[in-house]
C-alpha cells in the first residue's frame, strides 16, 4: 500500500486513490463497483468520467447524468448502471453539515428530494476532477480545486443556518474517539442532551441516524489505515470494530458490497493527505485530550 502527502505523484492505471481532508473525502476508481441496496450515510457527489450513468433507486426510477448529487439517507442501487466495463468514477463525500450539498444543489436539477443532476458546469467540474485524480496536484492544491468545484456555477459561500453546536461537538467526538466505542449515554452526557433528544437532533442536522454515521466514519478510518499499510484485521480494530467479521458485516450493510470488491489483492489503494489529516484519521486518540467527556 502507498501513502503520499504533498508530493505530486502521477497515478498508475491500476491505482485507486483516496484523498483525505478533515471535512471531505474523494475516492477515485477505474474499476466497476456495483453496490446494491445502498442507503447513503453522507452527502455525496458522484462523477462519471466516461459517459452518462443510468441510476435506478429502490423504486426503480431511472436517473441519467454524468454528475449526481445524492443527499444523505437516500436509497439507491448502482448495480443497474449502464456503462462500459472500463470506466472511471469519482465519489466526493461532502461536508457532513450539508453546507456543500446546499450550495451545489442550487445549480442542479432536482430528480427527487435527495437526488440532483445536470449541473450547469458539469463538464468543467469533471475536467477539474480528472486533474485531481491524475496525480498532478498535491493535497492542498487538490483541496483548493475541490473548493472551486463546490462553488462552480457562480456560487458563493452564503449565510447558512448554523448547525447546533451540540451536534458539532457530537460529530467531533465520534470522529476523534472512534476506537473508544462511546455509548450513546456517554455521548449524550458529553453534549448535555438526553439520549432521545440527541438522536432526534442529530438526524435533523446530519440527515442520518447517529449509529449509521458512527459506522460510516469507522469504515473510513479502516480504509485509510489499510491504504497506509495496516492489515485488514488491525485496520478494523483501529477503527473500533470488534472483529474483522464485524467490519465486513457493516461494510456490506452500508456500502452494499463486500470489502473484497474494493480492497481486493489486485487493487492498489493510494491515500493522499497532509500529515495532520492522516494522523486524525488513523490515530483519533491522539486528539482526544482536546475533547474531554464532561
C-alpha atoms as a PDB file:
ATOM      1  CA  UNK A   1       0.000   0.000   0.000  1.00  0.00           C
ATOM      2  CA  UNK A   2       1.182   3.516  -0.700  1.00  0.00           C
ATOM      3  CA  UNK A   3       0.720   6.786   1.168  1.00  0.00           C
ATOM      4  CA  UNK A   4       1.652  10.167  -0.286  1.00  0.00           C
ATOM      5  CA  UNK A   5       1.292  13.530   1.398  1.00  0.00           C
ATOM      6  CA  UNK A   6       2.334  16.648  -0.503  1.00  0.00           C
ATOM      7  CA  UNK A   7       4.314  15.051  -3.310  1.00  0.00           C
ATOM      8  CA  UNK A   8       2.964  15.149  -6.858  1.00  0.00           C
ATOM      9  CA  UNK A   9       2.883  11.511  -7.902  1.00  0.00           C
ATOM     10  CA  UNK A  10       1.255  10.536 -11.206  1.00  0.00           C
ATOM     11  CA  UNK A  11      -1.336   7.842 -10.658  1.00  0.00           C
ATOM     12  CA  UNK A  12      -0.788   4.484 -12.365  1.00  0.00           C
ATOM     13  CA  UNK A  13      -3.696   2.968 -14.297  1.00  0.00           C
ATOM     14  CA  UNK A  14      -4.188   0.226 -11.691  1.00  0.00           C
ATOM     15  CA  UNK A  15      -4.402   2.504  -8.660  1.00  0.00           C
ATOM     16  CA  UNK A  16      -7.445   3.608  -6.761  1.00  0.00           C
ATOM     17  CA  UNK A  17      -6.908   6.872  -4.885  1.00  0.00           C
ATOM     18  CA  UNK A  18      -8.348   8.109  -1.596  1.00  0.00           C
ATOM     19  CA  UNK A  19      -7.916  11.847  -0.975  1.00  0.00           C
ATOM     20  CA  UNK A  20      -8.447  12.813   2.657  1.00  0.00           C
ATOM     21  CA  UNK A  21      -9.321  16.111   4.247  1.00  0.00           C
ATOM     22  CA  UNK A  22     -10.942  16.756   7.592  1.00  0.00           C
ATOM     23  CA  UNK A  23     -14.254  17.837   6.051  1.00  0.00           C
ATOM     24  CA  UNK A  24     -14.338  15.943   2.727  1.00  0.00           C
ATOM     25  CA  UNK A  25     -13.101  12.704   1.167  1.00  0.00           C
ATOM     26  CA  UNK A  26     -12.610  11.893  -2.526  1.00  0.00           C
ATOM     27  CA  UNK A  27     -12.436   8.293  -3.752  1.00  0.00           C
ATOM     28  CA  UNK A  28     -11.391   7.522  -7.340  1.00  0.00           C
ATOM     29  CA  UNK A  29     -11.506   4.166  -9.136  1.00  0.00           C
ATOM     30  CA  UNK A  30     -11.481   2.952 -12.723  1.00  0.00           C
ATOM     31  CA  UNK A  31     -12.905  -0.442 -11.767  1.00  0.00           C
ATOM     32  CA  UNK A  32     -16.551  -1.359 -11.845  1.00  0.00           C
ATOM     33  CA  UNK A  33     -18.292  -1.119  -8.487  1.00  0.00           C
ATOM     34  CA  UNK A  34     -21.843  -2.421  -8.234  1.00  0.00           C
ATOM     35  CA  UNK A  35     -23.224  -1.811  -4.741  1.00  0.00           C
ATOM     36  CA  UNK A  36     -26.900  -2.647  -4.356  1.00  0.00           C
ATOM     37  CA  UNK A  37     -29.386  -1.749  -1.652  1.00  0.00           C
ATOM     38  CA  UNK A  38     -27.210   1.191  -0.566  1.00  0.00           C
ATOM     39  CA  UNK A  39     -28.522   3.941   1.718  1.00  0.00           C
ATOM     40  CA  UNK A  40     -26.104   6.846   1.666  1.00  0.00           C
ATOM     41  CA  UNK A  41     -24.615   7.858   5.013  1.00  0.00           C
ATOM     42  CA  UNK A  42     -23.295  11.225   3.828  1.00  0.00           C
ATOM     43  CA  UNK A  43     -23.994  13.756   1.100  1.00  0.00           C
ATOM     44  CA  UNK A  44     -22.001  12.704  -1.955  1.00  0.00           C
ATOM     45  CA  UNK A  45     -21.182  14.000  -5.412  1.00  0.00           C
ATOM     46  CA  UNK A  46     -20.721  11.180  -7.947  1.00  0.00           C
ATOM     47  CA  UNK A  47     -18.892  11.937 -11.212  1.00  0.00           C
ATOM     48  CA  UNK A  48     -18.634   9.542 -14.160  1.00  0.00           C
ATOM     49  CA  UNK A  49     -15.684  10.455 -16.371  1.00  0.00           C
ATOM     50  CA  UNK A  50     -16.549   8.273 -19.363  1.00  0.00           C
ATOM     51  CA  UNK A  51     -20.139   8.930 -20.233  1.00  0.00           C
ATOM     52  CA  UNK A  52     -23.540   9.102 -18.584  1.00  0.00           C
ATOM     53  CA  UNK A  53     -24.870   6.707 -15.993  1.00  0.00           C
ATOM     54  CA  UNK A  54     -28.377   5.343 -15.664  1.00  0.00           C
ATOM     55  CA  UNK A  55     -29.024   5.035 -11.960  1.00  0.00           C
ATOM     56  CA  UNK A  56     -32.056   3.268 -10.519  1.00  0.00           C
ATOM     57  CA  UNK A  57     -33.272   3.942  -6.995  1.00  0.00           C
ATOM     58  CA  UNK A  58     -35.228   1.461  -4.872  1.00  0.00           C
ATOM     59  CA  UNK A  59     -38.453   2.495  -6.615  1.00  0.00           C
ATOM     60  CA  UNK A  60     -36.851   1.579  -9.982  1.00  0.00           C
ATOM     61  CA  UNK A  61     -36.854   5.160 -11.194  1.00  0.00           C
ATOM     62  CA  UNK A  62     -34.007   5.792 -13.618  1.00  0.00           C
ATOM     63  CA  UNK A  63     -31.702   8.841 -13.438  1.00  0.00           C
ATOM     64  CA  UNK A  64     -29.232   9.585 -16.242  1.00  0.00           C
ATOM     65  CA  UNK A  65     -26.336  12.021 -15.825  1.00  0.00           C
ATOM     66  CA  UNK A  66     -22.548  12.354 -15.634  1.00  0.00           C
ATOM     67  CA  UNK A  67     -22.788  14.150 -12.299  1.00  0.00           C
ATOM     68  CA  UNK A  68     -25.115  13.294  -9.422  1.00  0.00           C
ATOM     69  CA  UNK A  69     -25.557  14.933  -6.040  1.00  0.00           C
ATOM     70  CA  UNK A  70     -27.033  12.369  -3.660  1.00  0.00           C
ATOM     71  CA  UNK A  71     -28.030  13.546  -0.207  1.00  0.00           C
ATOM     72  CA  UNK A  72     -27.564  11.512   2.952  1.00  0.00           C
ATOM     73  CA  UNK A  73     -30.245   8.955   3.694  1.00  0.00           C
ATOM     74  CA  UNK A  74     -31.173   8.194   0.066  1.00  0.00           C
ATOM     75  CA  UNK A  75     -31.560   4.564  -1.004  1.00  0.00           C
ATOM     76  CA  UNK A  76     -30.138   3.640  -4.403  1.00  0.00           C
ATOM     77  CA  UNK A  77     -28.791   0.792  -6.490  1.00  0.00           C
ATOM     78  CA  UNK A  78     -25.587   1.177  -8.514  1.00  0.00           C
ATOM     79  CA  UNK A  79     -25.823  -2.390  -9.786  1.00  0.00           C
ATOM     80  CA  UNK A  80     -28.176  -1.215 -12.543  1.00  0.00           C
ATOM     81  CA  UNK A  81     -25.832   1.394 -14.004  1.00  0.00           C
ATOM     82  CA  UNK A  82     -25.422   1.088 -17.770  1.00  0.00           C
ATOM     83  CA  UNK A  83     -21.741   1.724 -18.522  1.00  0.00           C
ATOM     84  CA  UNK A  84     -18.889   0.092 -20.387  1.00  0.00           C
ATOM     85  CA  UNK A  85     -16.733  -2.382 -18.444  1.00  0.00           C
ATOM     86  CA  UNK A  86     -13.826   0.044 -18.073  1.00  0.00           C
ATOM     87  CA  UNK A  87     -14.802   3.405 -16.665  1.00  0.00           C
ATOM     88  CA  UNK A  88     -13.571   5.993 -14.194  1.00  0.00           C
ATOM     89  CA  UNK A  89     -15.630   7.096 -11.236  1.00  0.00           C
ATOM     90  CA  UNK A  90     -15.029   9.743  -8.569  1.00  0.00           C
ATOM     91  CA  UNK A  91     -17.105   9.915  -5.393  1.00  0.00           C
ATOM     92  CA  UNK A  92     -16.744  13.010  -3.203  1.00  0.00           C
ATOM     93  CA  UNK A  93     -18.125  12.613   0.303  1.00  0.00           C
ATOM     94  CA  UNK A  94     -19.077  16.149   1.249  1.00  0.00           C
ATOM     95  CA  UNK A  95     -19.106  18.281   4.377  1.00  0.00           C
ATOM     96  CA  UNK A  96     -21.209  16.396   6.983  1.00  0.00           C
ATOM     97  CA  UNK A  97     -23.083  19.559   7.946  1.00  0.00           C
ATOM     98  CA  UNK A  98     -24.685  19.855   4.478  1.00  0.00           C
ATOM     99  CA  UNK A  99     -23.089  23.181   3.513  1.00  0.00           C
ATOM    100  CA  UNK A 100     -21.509  21.746   0.350  1.00  0.00           C
ATOM    101  CA  UNK A 101     -24.695  19.998  -0.734  1.00  0.00           C
ATOM    102  CA  UNK A 102     -26.865  23.045  -0.084  1.00  0.00           C
ATOM    103  CA  UNK A 103     -24.622  25.124  -2.334  1.00  0.00           C
ATOM    104  CA  UNK A 104     -24.271  22.534  -5.115  1.00  0.00           C
ATOM    105  CA  UNK A 105     -27.978  21.804  -5.399  1.00  0.00           C
ATOM    106  CA  UNK A 106     -28.657  25.453  -6.278  1.00  0.00           C
ATOM    107  CA  UNK A 107     -27.017  24.787  -9.649  1.00  0.00           C
ATOM    108  CA  UNK A 108     -28.509  21.351 -10.314  1.00  0.00           C
ATOM    109  CA  UNK A 109     -31.885  19.979 -11.332  1.00  0.00           C
ATOM    110  CA  UNK A 110     -33.788  18.027  -8.654  1.00  0.00           C
ATOM    111  CA  UNK A 111     -34.592  14.446  -9.653  1.00  0.00           C
ATOM    112  CA  UNK A 112     -36.137  13.702  -6.287  1.00  0.00           C
ATOM    113  CA  UNK A 113     -35.990  15.260  -2.839  1.00  0.00           C
ATOM    114  CA  UNK A 114     -32.499  13.798  -2.310  1.00  0.00           C
ATOM    115  CA  UNK A 115     -31.057  13.406  -5.821  1.00  0.00           C
ATOM    116  CA  UNK A 116     -29.884  16.246  -8.084  1.00  0.00           C
ATOM    117  CA  UNK A 117     -28.338  16.116 -11.572  1.00  0.00           C
ATOM    118  CA  UNK A 118     -27.419  18.197 -14.634  1.00  0.00           C
ATOM    119  CA  UNK A 119     -25.130  20.783 -13.023  1.00  0.00           C
ATOM    120  CA  UNK A 120     -24.785  23.879 -15.181  1.00  0.00           C
ATOM    121  CA  UNK A 121     -20.967  23.497 -15.137  1.00  0.00           C
ATOM    122  CA  UNK A 122     -20.917  19.700 -15.360  1.00  0.00           C
ATOM    123  CA  UNK A 123     -18.150  19.404 -17.959  1.00  0.00           C
ATOM    124  CA  UNK A 124     -15.870  21.890 -16.177  1.00  0.00           C
ATOM    125  CA  UNK A 125     -16.346  20.056 -12.859  1.00  0.00           C
ATOM    126  CA  UNK A 126     -15.476  16.689 -14.388  1.00  0.00           C
ATOM    127  CA  UNK A 127     -12.434  18.223 -16.082  1.00  0.00           C
ATOM    128  CA  UNK A 128     -11.235  19.555 -12.697  1.00  0.00           C
ATOM    129  CA  UNK A 129     -11.800  16.173 -11.045  1.00  0.00           C
ATOM    130  CA  UNK A 130      -9.768  14.472 -13.765  1.00  0.00           C
ATOM    131  CA  UNK A 131      -6.910  16.843 -13.000  1.00  0.00           C
ATOM    132  CA  UNK A 132      -7.070  15.962  -9.295  1.00  0.00           C
ATOM    133  CA  UNK A 133      -7.239  12.211  -9.824  1.00  0.00           C
ATOM    134  CA  UNK A 134      -4.437  12.200 -12.420  1.00  0.00           C
ATOM    135  CA  UNK A 135      -1.973  12.892  -9.595  1.00  0.00           C
ATOM    136  CA  UNK A 136      -0.962  16.318 -10.914  1.00  0.00           C
ATOM    137  CA  UNK A 137      -1.930  18.077  -7.678  1.00  0.00           C
ATOM    138  CA  UNK A 138      -0.752  17.704  -4.102  1.00  0.00           C
ATOM    139  CA  UNK A 139      -3.207  17.513  -1.210  1.00  0.00           C
ATOM    140  CA  UNK A 140      -3.539  21.272  -0.675  1.00  0.00           C
ATOM    141  CA  UNK A 141      -3.874  22.038  -4.383  1.00  0.00           C
ATOM    142  CA  UNK A 142      -6.500  19.327  -4.731  1.00  0.00           C
ATOM    143  CA  UNK A 143      -8.427  20.787  -1.799  1.00  0.00           C
ATOM    144  CA  UNK A 144      -8.366  24.256  -3.377  1.00  0.00           C
ATOM    145  CA  UNK A 145      -9.652  22.787  -6.647  1.00  0.00           C
ATOM    146  CA  UNK A 146     -12.414  20.940  -4.806  1.00  0.00           C
ATOM    147  CA  UNK A 147     -13.453  24.177  -3.101  1.00  0.00           C
ATOM    148  CA  UNK A 148     -13.842  25.726  -6.560  1.00  0.00           C
ATOM    149  CA  UNK A 149     -15.899  22.752  -7.706  1.00  0.00           C
ATOM    150  CA  UNK A 150     -18.342  23.242  -4.830  1.00  0.00           C
ATOM    151  CA  UNK A 151     -18.675  26.884  -5.851  1.00  0.00           C
ATOM    152  CA  UNK A 152     -18.926  26.133  -9.590  1.00  0.00           C
ATOM    153  CA  UNK A 153     -21.795  27.903 -11.301  1.00  0.00           C
ATOM    154  CA  UNK A 154     -21.013  31.192  -9.601  1.00  0.00           C
ATOM    155  CA  UNK A 155     -21.914  30.075  -6.123  1.00  0.00           C
ATOM    156  CA  UNK A 156     -20.576  31.898  -3.119  1.00  0.00           C
ATOM    157  CA  UNK A 157     -20.482  30.819   0.482  1.00  0.00           C
ATOM    158  CA  UNK A 158     -23.658  32.372   1.809  1.00  0.00           C
ATOM    159  CA  UNK A 159     -25.164  32.583   5.239  1.00  0.00           C
ATOM    160  CA  UNK A 160     -26.111  29.080   6.257  1.00  0.00           C
ATOM    161  CA  UNK A 161     -28.413  28.081   9.056  1.00  0.00           C
ATOM    162  CA  UNK A 162     -25.984  27.417  11.909  1.00  0.00           C
ATOM    163  CA  UNK A 163     -25.592  23.799  12.938  1.00  0.00           C
ATOM    164  CA  UNK A 164     -26.452  23.200  16.574  1.00  0.00           C
ATOM    165  CA  UNK A 165     -23.155  23.440  18.483  1.00  0.00           C
ATOM    166  CA  UNK A 166     -24.003  20.301  20.463  1.00  0.00           C
ATOM    167  CA  UNK A 167     -24.244  18.277  17.258  1.00  0.00           C
ATOM    168  CA  UNK A 168     -20.975  19.768  16.002  1.00  0.00           C
ATOM    169  CA  UNK A 169     -19.353  18.559  19.218  1.00  0.00           C
ATOM    170  CA  UNK A 170     -21.025  15.143  18.933  1.00  0.00           C
ATOM    171  CA  UNK A 171     -19.593  14.711  15.425  1.00  0.00           C
ATOM    172  CA  UNK A 172     -16.130  15.707  16.666  1.00  0.00           C
ATOM    173  CA  UNK A 173     -16.334  13.168  19.483  1.00  0.00           C
ATOM    174  CA  UNK A 174     -17.441  10.419  17.120  1.00  0.00           C
ATOM    175  CA  UNK A 175     -14.545  11.207  14.772  1.00  0.00           C
ATOM    176  CA  UNK A 176     -11.813  11.691  17.367  1.00  0.00           C
ATOM    177  CA  UNK A 177     -12.831   8.849  19.685  1.00  0.00           C
ATOM    178  CA  UNK A 178     -13.944   6.306  17.094  1.00  0.00           C
ATOM    179  CA  UNK A 179     -11.899   3.478  18.600  1.00  0.00           C
ATOM    180  CA  UNK A 180     -13.259   4.058  22.116  1.00  0.00           C
ATOM    181  CA  UNK A 181     -16.815   2.922  21.314  1.00  0.00           C
ATOM    182  CA  UNK A 182     -18.529   5.652  23.281  1.00  0.00           C
ATOM    183  CA  UNK A 183     -22.009   4.649  24.372  1.00  0.00           C
ATOM    184  CA  UNK A 184     -24.988   6.785  23.441  1.00  0.00           C
ATOM    185  CA  UNK A 185     -25.302   7.666  27.131  1.00  0.00           C
ATOM    186  CA  UNK A 186     -21.691   8.911  27.288  1.00  0.00           C
ATOM    187  CA  UNK A 187     -22.100  10.915  24.103  1.00  0.00           C
ATOM    188  CA  UNK A 188     -25.368  12.479  25.248  1.00  0.00           C
ATOM    189  CA  UNK A 189     -23.868  13.419  28.609  1.00  0.00           C
ATOM    190  CA  UNK A 190     -20.840  14.989  26.904  1.00  0.00           C
ATOM    191  CA  UNK A 191     -23.034  17.312  24.817  1.00  0.00           C
ATOM    192  CA  UNK A 192     -25.569  17.969  27.602  1.00  0.00           C
ATOM    193  CA  UNK A 193     -28.565  16.351  25.927  1.00  0.00           C
ATOM    194  CA  UNK A 194     -30.829  13.454  26.758  1.00  0.00           C
ATOM    195  CA  UNK A 195     -30.260  10.337  24.646  1.00  0.00           C
ATOM    196  CA  UNK A 196     -33.601  10.698  22.845  1.00  0.00           C
ATOM    197  CA  UNK A 197     -33.042  14.403  22.144  1.00  0.00           C
ATOM    198  CA  UNK A 198     -29.526  13.750  20.831  1.00  0.00           C
ATOM    199  CA  UNK A 199     -30.806  11.092  18.404  1.00  0.00           C
ATOM    200  CA  UNK A 200     -33.572  13.347  17.060  1.00  0.00           C
ATOM    201  CA  UNK A 201     -31.373  16.434  16.753  1.00  0.00           C
ATOM    202  CA  UNK A 202     -28.506  14.507  15.135  1.00  0.00           C
ATOM    203  CA  UNK A 203     -30.824  13.046  12.461  1.00  0.00           C
ATOM    204  CA  UNK A 204     -32.274  16.524  11.817  1.00  0.00           C
ATOM    205  CA  UNK A 205     -28.881  18.228  11.419  1.00  0.00           C
ATOM    206  CA  UNK A 206     -26.826  15.493   9.698  1.00  0.00           C
ATOM    207  CA  UNK A 207     -29.536  13.645   7.784  1.00  0.00           C
ATOM    208  CA  UNK A 208     -28.805  10.114   9.028  1.00  0.00           C
ATOM    209  CA  UNK A 209     -29.145   8.347  12.397  1.00  0.00           C
ATOM    210  CA  UNK A 210     -26.237   8.723  14.785  1.00  0.00           C
ATOM    211  CA  UNK A 211     -25.408   4.998  14.720  1.00  0.00           C
ATOM    212  CA  UNK A 212     -25.183   4.957  10.917  1.00  0.00           C
ATOM    213  CA  UNK A 213     -22.895   7.993  10.923  1.00  0.00           C
ATOM    214  CA  UNK A 214     -20.648   6.361  13.528  1.00  0.00           C
ATOM    215  CA  UNK A 215     -20.327   3.169  11.480  1.00  0.00           C
ATOM    216  CA  UNK A 216     -19.748   5.115   8.261  1.00  0.00           C
ATOM    217  CA  UNK A 217     -16.861   7.067   9.797  1.00  0.00           C
ATOM    218  CA  UNK A 218     -15.306   3.875  11.158  1.00  0.00           C
ATOM    219  CA  UNK A 219     -15.287   2.437   7.640  1.00  0.00           C
ATOM    220  CA  UNK A 220     -13.208   5.392   6.538  1.00  0.00           C
ATOM    221  CA  UNK A 221     -10.716   5.047   9.344  1.00  0.00           C
ATOM    222  CA  UNK A 222     -10.371   1.375   8.436  1.00  0.00           C
ATOM    223  CA  UNK A 223      -9.894   2.115   4.721  1.00  0.00           C
ATOM    224  CA  UNK A 224      -7.253   4.763   5.403  1.00  0.00           C
ATOM    225  CA  UNK A 225      -5.346   2.517   7.784  1.00  0.00           C
ATOM    226  CA  UNK A 226      -5.436  -0.314   5.238  1.00  0.00           C
ATOM    227  CA  UNK A 227      -4.221   2.015   2.488  1.00  0.00           C
ATOM    228  CA  UNK A 228      -1.281   3.083   4.650  1.00  0.00           C
ATOM    229  CA  UNK A 229      -0.036  -0.439   5.351  1.00  0.00           C
ATOM    230  CA  UNK A 230      -2.065  -1.918   8.209  1.00  0.00           C
ATOM    231  CA  UNK A 231      -3.518  -5.395   7.818  1.00  0.00           C
ATOM    232  CA  UNK A 232      -7.278  -5.556   7.359  1.00  0.00           C
ATOM    233  CA  UNK A 233      -7.708  -7.000  10.859  1.00  0.00           C
ATOM    234  CA  UNK A 234      -5.558  -4.317  12.504  1.00  0.00           C
ATOM    235  CA  UNK A 235      -7.344  -1.644  10.457  1.00  0.00           C
ATOM    236  CA  UNK A 236     -10.727  -2.880  11.658  1.00  0.00           C
ATOM    237  CA  UNK A 237      -9.630  -2.936  15.299  1.00  0.00           C
ATOM    238  CA  UNK A 238      -8.050   0.522  14.998  1.00  0.00           C
ATOM    239  CA  UNK A 239     -11.366   1.883  13.710  1.00  0.00           C
ATOM    240  CA  UNK A 240     -13.281   0.488  16.676  1.00  0.00           C
ATOM    241  CA  UNK A 241     -14.771  -2.667  15.142  1.00  0.00           C
ATOM    242  CA  UNK A 242     -14.848  -5.666  17.471  1.00  0.00           C
ATOM    243  CA  UNK A 243     -13.508  -8.018  14.778  1.00  0.00           C
ATOM    244  CA  UNK A 244     -12.838  -8.326  11.057  1.00  0.00           C
ATOM    245  CA  UNK A 245     -16.180 -10.079  10.593  1.00  0.00           C
ATOM    246  CA  UNK A 246     -17.934  -7.181  12.344  1.00  0.00           C
ATOM    247  CA  UNK A 247     -16.216  -4.805   9.907  1.00  0.00           C
ATOM    248  CA  UNK A 248     -17.231  -6.951   6.907  1.00  0.00           C
ATOM    249  CA  UNK A 249     -20.868  -7.021   8.056  1.00  0.00           C
ATOM    250  CA  UNK A 250     -21.021  -3.226   8.480  1.00  0.00           C
ATOM    251  CA  UNK A 251     -19.202  -2.642   5.171  1.00  0.00           C
ATOM    252  CA  UNK A 252     -21.728  -4.747   3.285  1.00  0.00           C
ATOM    253  CA  UNK A 253     -24.683  -3.183   5.082  1.00  0.00           C
ATOM    254  CA  UNK A 254     -23.623   0.431   4.497  1.00  0.00           C
ATOM    255  CA  UNK A 255     -21.955   0.186   1.080  1.00  0.00           C
ATOM    256  CA  UNK A 256     -23.963  -2.613  -0.493  1.00  0.00           C
ATOM    257  CA  UNK A 257     -20.936  -4.797  -1.350  1.00  0.00           C
ATOM    258  CA  UNK A 258     -18.177  -6.739   0.372  1.00  0.00           C
ATOM    259  CA  UNK A 259     -14.766  -5.259   1.276  1.00  0.00           C
ATOM    260  CA  UNK A 260     -13.094  -7.682  -1.139  1.00  0.00           C
ATOM    261  CA  UNK A 261     -14.748  -5.874  -4.073  1.00  0.00           C
ATOM    262  CA  UNK A 262     -12.901  -2.667  -3.153  1.00  0.00           C
ATOM    263  CA  UNK A 263      -9.852  -3.870  -1.212  1.00  0.00           C
ATOM    264  CA  UNK A 264      -9.027  -6.893  -3.351  1.00  0.00           C
ATOM    265  CA  UNK A 265      -5.467  -8.149  -3.757  1.00  0.00           C
ATOM    266  CA  UNK A 266      -5.005  -6.944  -7.334  1.00  0.00           C
ATOM    267  CA  UNK A 267      -6.092  -3.447  -6.397  1.00  0.00           C
ATOM    268  CA  UNK A 268      -3.659  -0.730  -5.289  1.00  0.00           C
ATOM    269  CA  UNK A 269      -5.155   1.889  -2.980  1.00  0.00           C
ATOM    270  CA  UNK A 270      -3.138   5.072  -2.534  1.00  0.00           C
ATOM    271  CA  UNK A 271      -4.010   7.530   0.243  1.00  0.00           C
ATOM    272  CA  UNK A 272      -3.247  11.213  -0.354  1.00  0.00           C
ATOM    273  CA  UNK A 273      -3.420  13.597   2.598  1.00  0.00           C
ATOM    274  CA  UNK A 274      -1.457  16.079   4.631  1.00  0.00           C
ATOM    275  CA  UNK A 275       0.217  14.755   7.776  1.00  0.00           C
ATOM    276  CA  UNK A 276      -2.261  16.330  10.223  1.00  0.00           C
ATOM    277  CA  UNK A 277      -5.319  14.923   8.452  1.00  0.00           C
ATOM    278  CA  UNK A 278      -3.745  11.479   8.206  1.00  0.00           C
ATOM    279  CA  UNK A 279      -2.922  11.497  11.913  1.00  0.00           C
ATOM    280  CA  UNK A 280      -6.505  12.429  12.779  1.00  0.00           C
ATOM    281  CA  UNK A 281      -7.890   9.625  10.611  1.00  0.00           C
ATOM    282  CA  UNK A 282      -5.685   6.743  11.729  1.00  0.00           C
ATOM    283  CA  UNK A 283      -4.959   7.866  15.279  1.00  0.00           C
ATOM    284  CA  UNK A 284      -8.141   9.516  16.594  1.00  0.00           C
ATOM    285  CA  UNK A 285      -6.970   9.018  20.179  1.00  0.00           C
ATOM    286  CA  UNK A 286      -4.146  11.499  19.550  1.00  0.00           C
ATOM    287  CA  UNK A 287      -6.539  14.433  19.672  1.00  0.00           C
ATOM    288  CA  UNK A 288      -8.897  13.015  22.318  1.00  0.00           C
ATOM    289  CA  UNK A 289      -7.355  15.073  25.104  1.00  0.00           C
ATOM    290  CA  UNK A 290      -8.750  18.177  23.418  1.00  0.00           C
ATOM    291  CA  UNK A 291     -12.257  16.751  23.662  1.00  0.00           C
ATOM    292  CA  UNK A 292     -12.836  15.678  27.287  1.00  0.00           C
ATOM    293  CA  UNK A 293     -16.064  13.876  28.110  1.00  0.00           C
ATOM    294  CA  UNK A 294     -17.566  16.321  30.521  1.00  0.00           C
END
